[in-house]
N, C-alpha and C. Protein backbone atom coordinates (compact mmCIF):
# COMPACT_ATOMS: atom_id res chain seq x y z
N MET A 1 0.84 -1.18 0.00
CA MET A 1 0.00 0.00 0.00
C MET A 1 0.89 1.25 0.00
N THR A 2 0.59 2.19 -0.86
CA THR A 2 1.36 3.41 -0.98
C THR A 2 1.04 4.36 0.17
N GLU A 3 2.09 4.91 0.75
CA GLU A 3 1.94 5.90 1.82
C GLU A 3 2.59 7.20 1.39
N LEU A 4 2.04 7.80 0.34
CA LEU A 4 2.54 9.04 -0.21
C LEU A 4 2.23 10.17 0.76
N LYS A 5 3.29 10.85 1.24
CA LYS A 5 3.12 11.96 2.17
C LYS A 5 3.95 13.14 1.69
N THR A 6 3.57 14.32 2.13
CA THR A 6 4.32 15.53 1.80
C THR A 6 5.29 15.84 2.92
N TYR A 7 6.54 16.03 2.54
CA TYR A 7 7.60 16.37 3.47
C TYR A 7 8.24 17.68 3.03
N THR A 8 8.83 18.39 3.98
CA THR A 8 9.64 19.55 3.66
C THR A 8 11.09 19.19 3.92
N GLY A 9 11.98 19.87 3.23
CA GLY A 9 13.38 19.59 3.43
C GLY A 9 14.24 20.68 2.84
N GLY A 10 15.53 20.49 2.95
CA GLY A 10 16.45 21.46 2.40
C GLY A 10 17.87 21.22 2.82
N CYS A 11 18.69 22.21 2.55
CA CYS A 11 20.12 22.13 2.84
C CYS A 11 20.42 22.55 4.27
N HIS A 12 21.68 22.56 4.64
CA HIS A 12 22.10 22.88 6.00
C HIS A 12 21.89 24.35 6.35
N CYS A 13 22.22 25.25 5.42
CA CYS A 13 22.13 26.68 5.73
C CYS A 13 20.72 27.24 5.58
N GLY A 14 19.82 26.46 4.96
CA GLY A 14 18.44 26.90 4.81
C GLY A 14 18.15 27.69 3.55
N LYS A 15 19.15 27.92 2.72
CA LYS A 15 18.92 28.66 1.46
C LYS A 15 18.07 27.86 0.49
N VAL A 16 18.24 26.53 0.48
CA VAL A 16 17.45 25.64 -0.38
C VAL A 16 16.36 25.01 0.46
N ARG A 17 15.12 25.19 0.04
CA ARG A 17 13.96 24.60 0.73
C ARG A 17 13.02 24.03 -0.34
N TYR A 18 12.41 22.91 -0.03
CA TYR A 18 11.49 22.28 -0.97
C TYR A 18 10.43 21.47 -0.24
N GLU A 19 9.40 21.12 -0.98
CA GLU A 19 8.39 20.15 -0.55
C GLU A 19 8.45 19.00 -1.53
N VAL A 20 8.24 17.80 -1.03
CA VAL A 20 8.23 16.63 -1.89
C VAL A 20 7.18 15.64 -1.39
N LYS A 21 6.48 15.03 -2.32
CA LYS A 21 5.56 13.94 -2.01
C LYS A 21 6.29 12.65 -2.32
N VAL A 22 6.50 11.85 -1.29
CA VAL A 22 7.26 10.61 -1.45
C VAL A 22 6.75 9.57 -0.47
N ASP A 23 6.93 8.31 -0.84
CA ASP A 23 6.51 7.18 -0.01
C ASP A 23 7.72 6.63 0.74
N LEU A 24 7.82 6.94 2.02
CA LEU A 24 8.94 6.44 2.82
C LEU A 24 8.66 5.09 3.47
N SER A 25 7.51 4.47 3.12
CA SER A 25 7.27 3.11 3.59
C SER A 25 8.06 2.11 2.74
N ASN A 26 8.46 2.53 1.53
CA ASN A 26 9.34 1.73 0.69
C ASN A 26 10.76 1.84 1.24
N PRO A 27 11.57 0.81 1.05
CA PRO A 27 12.96 0.92 1.52
C PRO A 27 13.69 2.08 0.83
N VAL A 28 14.48 2.82 1.61
CA VAL A 28 15.32 3.87 1.04
C VAL A 28 16.65 3.24 0.62
N VAL A 29 17.22 3.79 -0.43
CA VAL A 29 18.43 3.23 -1.03
C VAL A 29 19.68 3.75 -0.34
N MET A 30 20.56 2.82 -0.04
CA MET A 30 21.89 3.14 0.44
C MET A 30 22.85 2.57 -0.59
N CYS A 31 23.42 3.47 -1.40
CA CYS A 31 24.26 3.10 -2.53
C CYS A 31 25.72 3.21 -2.14
N ASN A 32 26.56 2.32 -2.68
CA ASN A 32 27.98 2.33 -2.36
C ASN A 32 28.84 2.91 -3.48
N CYS A 33 28.23 3.64 -4.42
CA CYS A 33 29.03 4.26 -5.48
C CYS A 33 29.95 5.31 -4.86
N SER A 34 30.90 5.80 -5.63
CA SER A 34 31.89 6.73 -5.09
C SER A 34 31.25 8.00 -4.54
N ARG A 35 30.21 8.49 -5.14
CA ARG A 35 29.55 9.73 -4.70
C ARG A 35 28.70 9.48 -3.45
N CYS A 36 27.79 8.52 -3.52
CA CYS A 36 26.87 8.26 -2.40
C CYS A 36 27.58 7.82 -1.13
N SER A 37 28.62 7.00 -1.28
CA SER A 37 29.31 6.52 -0.09
C SER A 37 30.02 7.68 0.63
N LYS A 38 30.58 8.62 -0.11
CA LYS A 38 31.23 9.78 0.52
C LYS A 38 30.21 10.76 1.08
N LEU A 39 29.06 10.85 0.41
CA LEU A 39 28.01 11.77 0.83
C LEU A 39 27.22 11.23 2.03
N GLY A 40 27.11 9.91 2.13
CA GLY A 40 26.31 9.31 3.20
C GLY A 40 24.82 9.42 2.93
N ALA A 41 24.47 9.53 1.67
CA ALA A 41 23.07 9.73 1.29
C ALA A 41 22.23 8.48 1.52
N MET A 42 20.98 8.73 1.89
CA MET A 42 19.94 7.71 1.94
C MET A 42 18.87 8.24 0.99
N LEU A 43 18.54 7.50 -0.05
CA LEU A 43 17.73 8.04 -1.15
C LEU A 43 16.35 7.43 -1.25
N ALA A 44 15.38 8.30 -1.44
CA ALA A 44 14.02 7.91 -1.79
C ALA A 44 13.71 8.58 -3.13
N PHE A 45 12.92 7.93 -3.94
CA PHE A 45 12.69 8.41 -5.31
C PHE A 45 11.24 8.82 -5.51
N ALA A 46 11.07 9.88 -6.30
CA ALA A 46 9.75 10.40 -6.62
C ALA A 46 9.77 11.01 -8.01
N PRO A 47 8.63 10.99 -8.72
CA PRO A 47 8.58 11.71 -9.99
C PRO A 47 8.93 13.17 -9.77
N VAL A 48 9.60 13.78 -10.74
CA VAL A 48 10.09 15.14 -10.58
C VAL A 48 8.95 16.14 -10.33
N ASP A 49 7.75 15.83 -10.81
CA ASP A 49 6.63 16.76 -10.57
C ASP A 49 6.11 16.70 -9.14
N GLN A 50 6.65 15.78 -8.32
CA GLN A 50 6.28 15.70 -6.91
C GLN A 50 7.19 16.58 -6.04
N LEU A 51 8.22 17.18 -6.65
CA LEU A 51 9.15 18.05 -5.94
C LEU A 51 8.86 19.49 -6.32
N THR A 52 8.64 20.32 -5.30
CA THR A 52 8.42 21.75 -5.52
C THR A 52 9.51 22.52 -4.79
N LEU A 53 10.35 23.19 -5.56
CA LEU A 53 11.40 24.02 -4.98
C LEU A 53 10.77 25.31 -4.48
N LYS A 54 10.89 25.56 -3.18
CA LYS A 54 10.30 26.75 -2.56
C LYS A 54 11.29 27.91 -2.50
N GLU A 55 12.55 27.59 -2.26
CA GLU A 55 13.60 28.61 -2.16
C GLU A 55 14.91 28.01 -2.64
N GLY A 56 15.77 28.85 -3.21
CA GLY A 56 17.14 28.43 -3.47
C GLY A 56 17.51 28.14 -4.90
N GLY A 57 16.62 28.37 -5.83
CA GLY A 57 16.97 28.12 -7.23
C GLY A 57 18.20 28.88 -7.67
N ASP A 58 18.44 30.01 -7.04
CA ASP A 58 19.58 30.86 -7.42
C ASP A 58 20.89 30.40 -6.79
N VAL A 59 20.86 29.46 -5.83
CA VAL A 59 22.10 28.99 -5.20
C VAL A 59 22.43 27.54 -5.53
N LEU A 60 21.58 26.88 -6.32
CA LEU A 60 21.85 25.48 -6.65
C LEU A 60 22.94 25.37 -7.71
N THR A 61 23.84 24.44 -7.50
CA THR A 61 24.92 24.15 -8.44
C THR A 61 24.78 22.70 -8.89
N ASP A 62 25.04 22.44 -10.15
CA ASP A 62 24.87 21.11 -10.74
C ASP A 62 26.23 20.42 -10.86
N TYR A 63 26.26 19.15 -10.47
CA TYR A 63 27.46 18.34 -10.62
C TYR A 63 27.07 17.03 -11.28
N GLN A 64 27.84 16.63 -12.31
CA GLN A 64 27.62 15.35 -12.97
C GLN A 64 28.95 14.61 -13.06
N PHE A 65 28.89 13.30 -12.99
CA PHE A 65 30.11 12.50 -13.13
C PHE A 65 29.76 11.20 -13.83
N ASN A 66 30.76 10.40 -14.11
CA ASN A 66 30.64 9.10 -14.75
C ASN A 66 29.87 9.22 -16.07
N LYS A 67 28.67 8.69 -16.15
CA LYS A 67 27.90 8.73 -17.40
C LYS A 67 27.17 10.05 -17.61
N LYS A 68 27.23 10.93 -16.62
CA LYS A 68 26.64 12.27 -16.68
C LYS A 68 25.14 12.24 -16.99
N VAL A 69 24.43 11.34 -16.31
CA VAL A 69 22.99 11.25 -16.51
C VAL A 69 22.20 11.72 -15.28
N ILE A 70 22.88 11.86 -14.16
CA ILE A 70 22.22 12.33 -12.94
C ILE A 70 22.74 13.73 -12.63
N HIS A 71 21.82 14.63 -12.38
CA HIS A 71 22.16 15.99 -12.00
C HIS A 71 22.16 16.07 -10.47
N HIS A 72 23.35 16.03 -9.89
CA HIS A 72 23.51 16.15 -8.44
C HIS A 72 23.52 17.64 -8.15
N VAL A 73 22.42 18.16 -7.64
CA VAL A 73 22.34 19.59 -7.37
C VAL A 73 22.59 19.82 -5.88
N PHE A 74 23.39 20.82 -5.61
CA PHE A 74 23.73 21.10 -4.22
C PHE A 74 23.78 22.60 -4.00
N CYS A 75 23.65 22.98 -2.75
CA CYS A 75 23.67 24.37 -2.36
C CYS A 75 25.09 24.91 -2.48
N SER A 76 25.26 26.00 -3.22
CA SER A 76 26.59 26.58 -3.40
C SER A 76 27.07 27.32 -2.15
N VAL A 77 26.18 27.51 -1.17
CA VAL A 77 26.56 28.18 0.07
C VAL A 77 27.12 27.17 1.08
N CYS A 78 26.35 26.11 1.38
CA CYS A 78 26.78 25.15 2.40
C CYS A 78 27.27 23.82 1.84
N GLY A 79 27.04 23.56 0.55
CA GLY A 79 27.55 22.35 -0.09
C GLY A 79 26.70 21.11 0.06
N ILE A 80 25.53 21.20 0.64
CA ILE A 80 24.70 20.02 0.89
C ILE A 80 23.86 19.68 -0.34
N GLU A 81 23.91 18.39 -0.74
CA GLU A 81 23.06 17.88 -1.81
C GLU A 81 21.81 17.27 -1.17
N SER A 82 20.70 17.99 -1.25
CA SER A 82 19.48 17.48 -0.64
C SER A 82 18.61 16.72 -1.63
N PHE A 83 18.90 16.87 -2.93
CA PHE A 83 18.20 16.07 -3.94
C PHE A 83 19.01 16.06 -5.22
N ALA A 84 18.64 15.15 -6.11
CA ALA A 84 19.25 15.04 -7.44
C ALA A 84 18.13 14.81 -8.44
N ARG A 85 18.44 15.01 -9.71
CA ARG A 85 17.44 14.79 -10.77
C ARG A 85 18.03 13.90 -11.84
N GLY A 86 17.16 13.10 -12.43
CA GLY A 86 17.58 12.22 -13.52
C GLY A 86 16.38 11.59 -14.17
N VAL A 87 16.64 10.56 -14.97
CA VAL A 87 15.59 9.83 -15.67
C VAL A 87 15.63 8.38 -15.19
N GLY A 88 14.47 7.88 -14.79
CA GLY A 88 14.38 6.50 -14.31
C GLY A 88 14.49 5.51 -15.45
N PRO A 89 14.59 4.22 -15.13
CA PRO A 89 14.71 3.17 -16.14
C PRO A 89 13.54 3.15 -17.14
N ASN A 90 12.38 3.64 -16.70
CA ASN A 90 11.21 3.65 -17.58
C ASN A 90 11.12 4.93 -18.41
N GLY A 91 12.13 5.82 -18.31
CA GLY A 91 12.14 7.05 -19.09
C GLY A 91 11.48 8.23 -18.40
N GLN A 92 10.93 8.02 -17.22
CA GLN A 92 10.25 9.09 -16.48
C GLN A 92 11.26 9.94 -15.74
N GLU A 93 11.09 11.27 -15.78
CA GLU A 93 11.95 12.16 -15.01
C GLU A 93 11.69 11.94 -13.52
N MET A 94 12.78 11.75 -12.78
CA MET A 94 12.68 11.43 -11.36
C MET A 94 13.59 12.35 -10.55
N CYS A 95 13.31 12.40 -9.27
CA CYS A 95 14.22 13.06 -8.35
C CYS A 95 14.58 12.04 -7.27
N ALA A 96 15.82 12.12 -6.84
CA ALA A 96 16.32 11.29 -5.75
C ALA A 96 16.47 12.21 -4.54
N ILE A 97 15.69 11.96 -3.54
CA ILE A 97 15.67 12.80 -2.35
C ILE A 97 16.62 12.22 -1.32
N ASN A 98 17.54 13.04 -0.83
CA ASN A 98 18.40 12.62 0.27
C ASN A 98 17.56 12.71 1.54
N VAL A 99 17.09 11.57 2.00
CA VAL A 99 16.15 11.51 3.13
C VAL A 99 16.75 12.16 4.38
N ARG A 100 18.06 12.18 4.49
CA ARG A 100 18.70 12.83 5.63
C ARG A 100 18.44 14.34 5.66
N CYS A 101 17.99 14.89 4.53
CA CYS A 101 17.72 16.33 4.44
C CYS A 101 16.25 16.67 4.63
N LEU A 102 15.41 15.67 4.89
CA LEU A 102 14.00 15.94 5.16
C LEU A 102 13.81 16.31 6.62
N ASP A 103 12.90 17.23 6.87
CA ASP A 103 12.61 17.68 8.23
C ASP A 103 11.82 16.62 8.99
N ASP A 104 12.18 16.41 10.23
CA ASP A 104 11.40 15.59 11.17
C ASP A 104 11.14 14.16 10.70
N VAL A 105 12.12 13.55 10.05
CA VAL A 105 12.02 12.15 9.65
C VAL A 105 13.00 11.35 10.50
N ASP A 106 12.50 10.30 11.14
CA ASP A 106 13.34 9.42 11.94
C ASP A 106 14.00 8.42 11.01
N ILE A 107 15.22 8.70 10.58
CA ILE A 107 15.86 7.83 9.60
C ILE A 107 16.16 6.44 10.17
N ASP A 108 16.29 6.33 11.48
CA ASP A 108 16.53 5.02 12.08
C ASP A 108 15.32 4.10 11.99
N ALA A 109 14.15 4.68 11.75
CA ALA A 109 12.93 3.88 11.64
C ALA A 109 12.66 3.42 10.21
N LEU A 110 13.44 3.89 9.26
CA LEU A 110 13.20 3.56 7.85
C LEU A 110 13.81 2.22 7.48
N LYS A 111 13.14 1.52 6.57
CA LYS A 111 13.70 0.31 5.98
C LYS A 111 14.72 0.74 4.93
N THR A 112 15.81 0.01 4.81
CA THR A 112 16.85 0.35 3.84
C THR A 112 17.10 -0.80 2.88
N MET A 113 17.64 -0.44 1.73
CA MET A 113 18.01 -1.43 0.72
C MET A 113 19.38 -1.02 0.19
N LYS A 114 20.35 -1.91 0.31
CA LYS A 114 21.69 -1.63 -0.20
C LYS A 114 21.72 -1.87 -1.71
N VAL A 115 22.36 -0.93 -2.42
CA VAL A 115 22.51 -1.03 -3.87
C VAL A 115 24.00 -0.96 -4.18
N ASP A 116 24.45 -1.88 -5.02
CA ASP A 116 25.86 -1.94 -5.39
C ASP A 116 26.14 -1.05 -6.59
N GLY A 117 26.08 0.26 -6.36
CA GLY A 117 26.35 1.23 -7.43
C GLY A 117 27.79 1.23 -7.86
N LYS A 118 28.67 0.76 -7.00
CA LYS A 118 30.10 0.70 -7.32
C LYS A 118 30.34 -0.20 -8.53
N SER A 119 29.49 -1.20 -8.73
CA SER A 119 29.67 -2.16 -9.81
C SER A 119 28.96 -1.75 -11.10
N LEU A 120 28.22 -0.66 -11.07
CA LEU A 120 27.49 -0.25 -12.28
C LEU A 120 28.35 0.54 -13.24
């Protein structure tokens, strides 16, 4: 059963703020690729139209690496990547939400799924 809820989140300094509708009853991804492992990200995925940027469009910086298909956007003030954008396997535009950047979410209560991104 889908538990789609609206969450608010953002970066460390507060310049980037957003709302996102996402289902955190699904396991969040813990990827071991070079970027995610250094970032410590825990990722939940949502269609890009479920993310509404409230503040910070003027401070977001884009970073791409490897195949350059994921837009890792981060705050140019504090350096925190609270979400990324890309295209899912089905061709749908998606956002990857760093669950650690959502307000008032108990990350210890979330189910996790390890992904071997290092091998991709």
